[in-house]
């Protein structure tokens, strides 16, 4: 599955693909979210969970040069 195909999936379908085929890397707190970072093949994908609403609000690709990457790098080493 390529990025375009994954992006076209529903939120529920994206979560299912990640849990079946992705690897959990690390979780961080980001504003009002708990954000879990997954590795799906060679792509990093973030899952934004709003604990106050008890729901996943967003599942998006994270580019390796995005400024949020520094929050993950503080906790682990990503090659």
PDB file of N, CA and C in Angstrom:
ATOM      1  N   UNK A   1       0.847  -1.185   0.000  1.00  0.00           N
ATOM      2  CA  UNK A   1       0.000   0.000   0.000  1.00  0.00           C
ATOM      3  C   UNK A   1       0.889   1.244   0.000  1.00  0.00           C
ATOM      4  N   UNK A   2       0.603   2.149  -0.904  1.00  0.00           N
ATOM      5  CA  UNK A   2       1.376   3.383  -1.006  1.00  0.00           C
ATOM      6  C   UNK A   2       0.698   4.478  -0.183  1.00  0.00           C
ATOM      7  N   UNK A   3       1.412   5.595  -0.005  1.00  0.00           N
ATOM      8  CA  UNK A   3       0.898   6.696   0.817  1.00  0.00           C
ATOM      9  C   UNK A   3      -0.474   7.176   0.358  1.00  0.00           C
ATOM     10  N   UNK A   4      -0.659   7.296  -0.929  1.00  0.00           N
ATOM     11  CA  UNK A   4      -1.928   7.791  -1.448  1.00  0.00           C
ATOM     12  C   UNK A   4      -3.073   6.849  -1.093  1.00  0.00           C
ATOM     13  N   UNK A   5      -2.823   5.555  -1.183  1.00  0.00           N
ATOM     14  CA  UNK A   5      -3.858   4.578  -0.834  1.00  0.00           C
ATOM     15  C   UNK A   5      -4.180   4.638   0.658  1.00  0.00           C
ATOM     16  N   UNK A   6      -3.133   4.726   1.480  1.00  0.00           N
ATOM     17  CA  UNK A   6      -3.345   4.803   2.922  1.00  0.00           C
ATOM     18  C   UNK A   6      -4.103   6.076   3.271  1.00  0.00           C
ATOM     19  N   UNK A   7      -3.734   7.187   2.674  1.00  0.00           N
ATOM     20  CA  UNK A   7      -4.382   8.465   2.956  1.00  0.00           C
ATOM     21  C   UNK A   7      -5.853   8.462   2.578  1.00  0.00           C
ATOM     22  N   UNK A   8      -6.228   7.662   1.587  1.00  0.00           N
ATOM     23  CA  UNK A   8      -7.615   7.604   1.139  1.00  0.00           C
ATOM     24  C   UNK A   8      -8.508   6.750   2.036  1.00  0.00           C
ATOM     25  N   UNK A   9      -7.904   5.983   2.944  1.00  0.00           N
ATOM     26  CA  UNK A   9      -8.682   5.126   3.837  1.00  0.00           C
ATOM     27  C   UNK A   9      -9.436   5.956   4.872  1.00  0.00           C
ATOM     28  N   UNK A  10     -10.475   5.370   5.421  1.00  0.00           N
ATOM     29  CA  UNK A  10     -11.186   6.014   6.524  1.00  0.00           C
ATOM     30  C   UNK A  10     -10.311   5.944   7.769  1.00  0.00           C
ATOM     31  N   UNK A  11     -10.654   6.719   8.763  1.00  0.00           N
ATOM     32  CA  UNK A  11      -9.907   6.705  10.021  1.00  0.00           C
ATOM     33  C   UNK A  11      -9.872   5.302  10.621  1.00  0.00           C
ATOM     34  N   UNK A  12     -10.992   4.631  10.632  1.00  0.00           N
ATOM     35  CA  UNK A  12     -11.075   3.271  11.172  1.00  0.00           C
ATOM     36  C   UNK A  12     -10.185   2.307  10.397  1.00  0.00           C
ATOM     37  N   UNK A  13     -10.182   2.428   9.081  1.00  0.00           N
ATOM     38  CA  UNK A  13      -9.358   1.558   8.251  1.00  0.00           C
ATOM     39  C   UNK A  13      -7.868   1.822   8.477  1.00  0.00           C
ATOM     40  N   UNK A  14      -7.497   3.113   8.628  1.00  0.00           N
ATOM     41  CA  UNK A  14      -6.093   3.448   8.896  1.00  0.00           C
ATOM     42  C   UNK A  14      -5.628   2.823  10.204  1.00  0.00           C
ATOM     43  N   UNK A  15      -6.441   2.939  11.225  1.00  0.00           N
ATOM     44  CA  UNK A  15      -6.088   2.369  12.533  1.00  0.00           C
ATOM     45  C   UNK A  15      -5.931   0.857  12.422  1.00  0.00           C
ATOM     46  N   UNK A  16      -6.823   0.214  11.709  1.00  0.00           N
ATOM     47  CA  UNK A  16      -6.746  -1.245  11.538  1.00  0.00           C
ATOM     48  C   UNK A  16      -5.451  -1.657  10.836  1.00  0.00           C
ATOM     49  N   UNK A  17      -5.098  -0.942   9.770  1.00  0.00           N
ATOM     50  CA  UNK A  17      -3.856  -1.238   9.040  1.00  0.00           C
ATOM     51  C   UNK A  17      -2.652  -1.075   9.964  1.00  0.00           C
ATOM     52  N   UNK A  18      -2.633   0.011  10.746  1.00  0.00           N
ATOM     53  CA  UNK A  18      -1.507   0.252  11.648  1.00  0.00           C
ATOM     54  C   UNK A  18      -1.376  -0.832  12.698  1.00  0.00           C
ATOM     55  N   UNK A  19      -2.487  -1.206  13.304  1.00  0.00           N
ATOM     56  CA  UNK A  19      -2.429  -2.211  14.367  1.00  0.00           C
ATOM     57  C   UNK A  19      -2.095  -3.600  13.836  1.00  0.00           C
ATOM     58  N   UNK A  20      -2.456  -3.879  12.593  1.00  0.00           N
ATOM     59  CA  UNK A  20      -2.152  -5.190  12.023  1.00  0.00           C
ATOM     60  C   UNK A  20      -0.763  -5.254  11.397  1.00  0.00           C
ATOM     61  N   UNK A  21      -0.312  -4.152  10.793  1.00  0.00           N
ATOM     62  CA  UNK A  21       0.921  -4.194  10.006  1.00  0.00           C
ATOM     63  C   UNK A  21       1.999  -3.219  10.457  1.00  0.00           C
ATOM     64  N   UNK A  22       1.664  -2.299  11.337  1.00  0.00           N
ATOM     65  CA  UNK A  22       2.634  -1.317  11.804  1.00  0.00           C
ATOM     66  C   UNK A  22       3.330  -1.767  13.075  1.00  0.00           C
ATOM     67  N   UNK A  23       4.384  -1.045  13.422  1.00  0.00           N
ATOM     68  CA  UNK A  23       5.122  -1.295  14.658  1.00  0.00           C
ATOM     69  C   UNK A  23       5.091  -0.028  15.501  1.00  0.00           C
ATOM     70  N   UNK A  24       4.647  -0.171  16.750  1.00  0.00           N
ATOM     71  CA  UNK A  24       4.633   0.961  17.666  1.00  0.00           C
ATOM     72  C   UNK A  24       6.064   1.348  17.994  1.00  0.00           C
ATOM     73  N   UNK A  25       6.365   2.656  17.937  1.00  0.00           N
ATOM     74  CA  UNK A  25       7.707   3.142  18.231  1.00  0.00           C
ATOM     75  C   UNK A  25       7.741   3.807  19.600  1.00  0.00           C
ATOM     76  N   UNK A  26       6.925   4.840  19.790  1.00  0.00           N
ATOM     77  CA  UNK A  26       6.937   5.578  21.055  1.00  0.00           C
ATOM     78  C   UNK A  26       5.697   6.467  21.110  1.00  0.00           C
ATOM     79  N   UNK A  27       5.321   6.861  22.307  1.00  0.00           N
ATOM     80  CA  UNK A  27       4.214   7.787  22.484  1.00  0.00           C
ATOM     81  C   UNK A  27       4.686   9.041  23.193  1.00  0.00           C
ATOM     82  N   UNK A  28       4.068  10.172  22.854  1.00  0.00           N
ATOM     83  CA  UNK A  28       4.391  11.442  23.499  1.00  0.00           C
ATOM     84  C   UNK A  28       3.090  12.160  23.856  1.00  0.00           C
ATOM     85  N   UNK A  29       3.208  13.155  24.714  1.00  0.00           N
ATOM     86  CA  UNK A  29       2.101  14.080  24.975  1.00  0.00           C
ATOM     87  C   UNK A  29       2.362  15.323  24.129  1.00  0.00           C
ATOM     88  N   UNK A  30       1.343  15.764  23.417  1.00  0.00           N
ATOM     89  CA  UNK A  30       1.482  16.928  22.548  1.00  0.00           C
ATOM     90  C   UNK A  30       0.203  17.743  22.662  1.00  0.00           C
ATOM     91  N   UNK A  31       0.291  18.857  23.369  1.00  0.00           N
ATOM     92  CA  UNK A  31      -0.871  19.672  23.695  1.00  0.00           C
ATOM     93  C   UNK A  31      -1.906  18.791  24.393  1.00  0.00           C
ATOM     94  N   UNK A  32      -3.121  18.705  23.862  1.00  0.00           N
ATOM     95  CA  UNK A  32      -4.155  17.914  24.537  1.00  0.00           C
ATOM     96  C   UNK A  32      -4.211  16.474  24.027  1.00  0.00           C
ATOM     97  N   UNK A  33      -3.206  16.071  23.278  1.00  0.00           N
ATOM     98  CA  UNK A  33      -3.207  14.750  22.670  1.00  0.00           C
ATOM     99  C   UNK A  33      -2.163  13.823  23.277  1.00  0.00           C
ATOM    100  N   UNK A  34      -2.452  12.552  23.220  1.00  0.00           N
ATOM    101  CA  UNK A  34      -1.466  11.492  23.379  1.00  0.00           C
ATOM    102  C   UNK A  34      -1.197  11.057  21.948  1.00  0.00           C
ATOM    103  N   UNK A  35       0.036  11.197  21.492  1.00  0.00           N
ATOM    104  CA  UNK A  35       0.362  10.880  20.103  1.00  0.00           C
ATOM    105  C   UNK A  35       1.275   9.664  20.076  1.00  0.00           C
ATOM    106  N   UNK A  36       0.824   8.627  19.393  1.00  0.00           N
ATOM    107  CA  UNK A  36       1.617   7.422  19.236  1.00  0.00           C
ATOM    108  C   UNK A  36       2.245   7.418  17.856  1.00  0.00           C
ATOM    109  N   UNK A  37       3.528   7.112  17.822  1.00  0.00           N
ATOM    110  CA  UNK A  37       4.267   7.050  16.562  1.00  0.00           C
ATOM    111  C   UNK A  37       4.414   5.588  16.157  1.00  0.00           C
ATOM    112  N   UNK A  38       4.066   5.306  14.915  1.00  0.00           N
ATOM    113  CA  UNK A  38       4.175   3.957  14.365  1.00  0.00           C
ATOM    114  C   UNK A  38       5.080   3.974  13.151  1.00  0.00           C
ATOM    115  N   UNK A  39       5.675   2.839  12.876  1.00  0.00           N
ATOM    116  CA  UNK A  39       6.458   2.642  11.662  1.00  0.00           C
ATOM    117  C   UNK A  39       5.695   1.647  10.798  1.00  0.00           C
ATOM    118  N   UNK A  40       5.347   2.077   9.605  1.00  0.00           N
ATOM    119  CA  UNK A  40       4.666   1.223   8.631  1.00  0.00           C
ATOM    120  C   UNK A  40       5.559   1.179   7.405  1.00  0.00           C
ATOM    121  N   UNK A  41       6.208   0.042   7.207  1.00  0.00           N
ATOM    122  CA  UNK A  41       7.282  -0.094   6.228  1.00  0.00           C
ATOM    123  C   UNK A  41       8.363   0.937   6.551  1.00  0.00           C
ATOM    124  N   UNK A  42       8.572   1.933   5.728  1.00  0.00           N
ATOM    125  CA  UNK A  42       9.610   2.943   5.999  1.00  0.00           C
ATOM    126  C   UNK A  42       9.006   4.292   6.355  1.00  0.00           C
ATOM    127  N   UNK A  43       7.714   4.329   6.580  1.00  0.00           N
ATOM    128  CA  UNK A  43       7.034   5.590   6.869  1.00  0.00           C
ATOM    129  C   UNK A  43       6.649   5.687   8.336  1.00  0.00           C
ATOM    130  N   UNK A  44       6.794   6.887   8.900  1.00  0.00           N
ATOM    131  CA  UNK A  44       6.327   7.153  10.251  1.00  0.00           C
ATOM    132  C   UNK A  44       4.905   7.700  10.173  1.00  0.00           C
ATOM    133  N   UNK A  45       4.047   7.190  11.034  1.00  0.00           N
ATOM    134  CA  UNK A  45       2.654   7.605  11.070  1.00  0.00           C
ATOM    135  C   UNK A  45       2.288   7.921  12.513  1.00  0.00           C
ATOM    136  N   UNK A  46       1.620   9.054  12.697  1.00  0.00           N
ATOM    137  CA  UNK A  46       1.190   9.471  14.031  1.00  0.00           C
ATOM    138  C   UNK A  46      -0.304   9.217  14.201  1.00  0.00           C
ATOM    139  N   UNK A  47      -0.654   8.764  15.414  1.00  0.00           N
ATOM    140  CA  UNK A  47      -2.047   8.571  15.793  1.00  0.00           C
ATOM    141  C   UNK A  47      -2.324   9.538  16.934  1.00  0.00           C
ATOM    142  N   UNK A  48      -3.232  10.492  16.694  1.00  0.00           N
ATOM    143  CA  UNK A  48      -3.570  11.515  17.683  1.00  0.00           C
ATOM    144  C   UNK A  48      -4.803  11.077  18.462  1.00  0.00           C
ATOM    145  N   UNK A  49      -4.599  10.817  19.746  1.00  0.00           N
ATOM    146  CA  UNK A  49      -5.682  10.367  20.623  1.00  0.00           C
ATOM    147  C   UNK A  49      -6.028  11.476  21.608  1.00  0.00           C
ATOM    148  N   UNK A  50      -7.305  11.873  21.623  1.00  0.00           N
ATOM    149  CA  UNK A  50      -7.794  12.879  22.553  1.00  0.00           C
ATOM    150  C   UNK A  50      -8.377  12.141  23.748  1.00  0.00           C
ATOM    151  N   UNK A  51      -7.666  12.160  24.860  1.00  0.00           N
ATOM    152  CA  UNK A  51      -8.103  11.380  26.013  1.00  0.00           C
ATOM    153  C   UNK A  51      -9.338  11.978  26.676  1.00  0.00           C
ATOM    154  N   UNK A  52      -9.556  13.280  26.541  1.00  0.00           N
ATOM    155  CA  UNK A  52     -10.755  13.892  27.117  1.00  0.00           C
ATOM    156  C   UNK A  52     -12.016  13.430  26.395  1.00  0.00           C
ATOM    157  N   UNK A  53     -11.910  13.260  25.092  1.00  0.00           N
ATOM    158  CA  UNK A  53     -13.045  12.784  24.299  1.00  0.00           C
ATOM    159  C   UNK A  53     -13.034  11.264  24.126  1.00  0.00           C
ATOM    160  N   UNK A  54     -11.923  10.631  24.555  1.00  0.00           N
ATOM    161  CA  UNK A  54     -11.741   9.187  24.438  1.00  0.00           C
ATOM    162  C   UNK A  54     -11.920   8.721  22.988  1.00  0.00           C
ATOM    163  N   UNK A  55     -11.182   9.400  22.080  1.00  0.00           N
ATOM    164  CA  UNK A  55     -11.265   9.004  20.681  1.00  0.00           C
ATOM    165  C   UNK A  55     -10.009   9.385  19.910  1.00  0.00           C
ATOM    166  N   UNK A  56      -9.761   8.619  18.884  1.00  0.00           N
ATOM    167  CA  UNK A  56      -8.691   8.943  17.947  1.00  0.00           C
ATOM    168  C   UNK A  56      -9.246   9.990  16.998  1.00  0.00           C
ATOM    169  N   UNK A  57      -8.527  11.106  16.878  1.00  0.00           N
ATOM    170  CA  UNK A  57      -9.008  12.198  16.033  1.00  0.00           C
ATOM    171  C   UNK A  57      -8.310  12.270  14.686  1.00  0.00           C
ATOM    172  N   UNK A  58      -7.081  11.779  14.632  1.00  0.00           N
ATOM    173  CA  UNK A  58      -6.316  11.951  13.392  1.00  0.00           C
ATOM    174  C   UNK A  58      -5.250  10.880  13.276  1.00  0.00           C
ATOM    175  N   UNK A  59      -5.018  10.427  12.046  1.00  0.00           N
ATOM    176  CA  UNK A  59      -3.929   9.503  11.724  1.00  0.00           C
ATOM    177  C   UNK A  59      -3.247  10.083  10.488  1.00  0.00           C
ATOM    178  N   UNK A  60      -1.992  10.512  10.646  1.00  0.00           N
ATOM    179  CA  UNK A  60      -1.290  11.190   9.554  1.00  0.00           C
ATOM    180  C   UNK A  60       0.161  10.739   9.455  1.00  0.00           C
ATOM    181  N   UNK A  61       0.704  10.877   8.242  1.00  0.00           N
ATOM    182  CA  UNK A  61       2.130  10.637   8.035  1.00  0.00           C
ATOM    183  C   UNK A  61       2.925  11.738   8.721  1.00  0.00           C
ATOM    184  N   UNK A  62       4.092  11.392   9.212  1.00  0.00           N
ATOM    185  CA  UNK A  62       5.014  12.365   9.793  1.00  0.00           C
ATOM    186  C   UNK A  62       6.280  12.366   8.949  1.00  0.00           C
ATOM    187  N   UNK A  63       6.549  13.491   8.342  1.00  0.00           N
ATOM    188  CA  UNK A  63       7.783  13.616   7.555  1.00  0.00           C
ATOM    189  C   UNK A  63       8.971  13.653   8.504  1.00  0.00           C
ATOM    190  N   UNK A  64      10.058  13.063   8.102  1.00  0.00           N
ATOM    191  CA  UNK A  64      11.241  12.961   8.960  1.00  0.00           C
ATOM    192  C   UNK A  64      11.841  14.317   9.315  1.00  0.00           C
ATOM    193  N   UNK A  65      11.562  15.342   8.537  1.00  0.00           N
ATOM    194  CA  UNK A  65      12.114  16.674   8.820  1.00  0.00           C
ATOM    195  C   UNK A  65      11.114  17.582   9.545  1.00  0.00           C
ATOM    196  N   UNK A  66       9.985  17.044   9.957  1.00  0.00           N
ATOM    197  CA  UNK A  66       8.979  17.844  10.675  1.00  0.00           C
ATOM    198  C   UNK A  66       9.507  18.223  12.055  1.00  0.00           C
ATOM    199  N   UNK A  67       9.174  19.423  12.515  1.00  0.00           N
ATOM    200  CA  UNK A  67       9.683  19.897  13.808  1.00  0.00           C
ATOM    201  C   UNK A  67       9.217  19.038  14.985  1.00  0.00           C
ATOM    202  N   UNK A  68       8.083  18.366  14.851  1.00  0.00           N
ATOM    203  CA  UNK A  68       7.598  17.507  15.940  1.00  0.00           C
ATOM    204  C   UNK A  68       8.490  16.281  16.152  1.00  0.00           C
ATOM    205  N   UNK A  69       9.282  15.959  15.147  1.00  0.00           N
ATOM    206  CA  UNK A  69      10.174  14.798  15.263  1.00  0.00           C
ATOM    207  C   UNK A  69      11.108  14.941  16.454  1.00  0.00           C
ATOM    208  N   UNK A  70      11.459  16.188  16.832  1.00  0.00           N
ATOM    209  CA  UNK A  70      12.382  16.382  17.955  1.00  0.00           C
ATOM    210  C   UNK A  70      11.814  15.847  19.265  1.00  0.00           C
ATOM    211  N   UNK A  71      10.482  15.859  19.417  1.00  0.00           N
ATOM    212  CA  UNK A  71       9.873  15.323  20.632  1.00  0.00           C
ATOM    213  C   UNK A  71      10.089  13.807  20.731  1.00  0.00           C
ATOM    214  N   UNK A  72      10.061  13.140  19.592  1.00  0.00           N
ATOM    215  CA  UNK A  72      10.308  11.703  19.582  1.00  0.00           C
ATOM    216  C   UNK A  72      11.795  11.408  19.789  1.00  0.00           C
ATOM    217  N   UNK A  73      12.637  12.207  19.158  1.00  0.00           N
ATOM    218  CA  UNK A  73      14.072  11.979  19.229  1.00  0.00           C
ATOM    219  C   UNK A  73      14.610  12.190  20.640  1.00  0.00           C
ATOM    220  N   UNK A  74      13.901  12.977  21.444  1.00  0.00           N
ATOM    221  CA  UNK A  74      14.304  13.145  22.840  1.00  0.00           C
ATOM    222  C   UNK A  74      14.177  11.844  23.625  1.00  0.00           C
ATOM    223  N   UNK A  75      13.309  10.936  23.161  1.00  0.00           N
ATOM    224  CA  UNK A  75      13.046   9.695  23.881  1.00  0.00           C
ATOM    225  C   UNK A  75      13.749   8.481  23.292  1.00  0.00           C
ATOM    226  N   UNK A  76      13.966   8.486  21.975  1.00  0.00           N
ATOM    227  CA  UNK A  76      14.578   7.332  21.319  1.00  0.00           C
ATOM    228  C   UNK A  76      15.535   7.801  20.240  1.00  0.00           C
ATOM    229  N   UNK A  77      16.301   6.885  19.713  1.00  0.00           N
ATOM    230  CA  UNK A  77      17.185   7.198  18.584  1.00  0.00           C
ATOM    231  C   UNK A  77      16.554   6.580  17.340  1.00  0.00           C
ATOM    232  N   UNK A  78      16.239   7.428  16.368  1.00  0.00           N
ATOM    233  CA  UNK A  78      15.673   6.980  15.105  1.00  0.00           C
ATOM    234  C   UNK A  78      16.733   7.211  14.033  1.00  0.00           C
ATOM    235  N   UNK A  79      17.106   6.132  13.359  1.00  0.00           N
ATOM    236  CA  UNK A  79      18.136   6.236  12.316  1.00  0.00           C
ATOM    237  C   UNK A  79      17.563   6.833  11.052  1.00  0.00           C
TER     238      UNK A  79
END
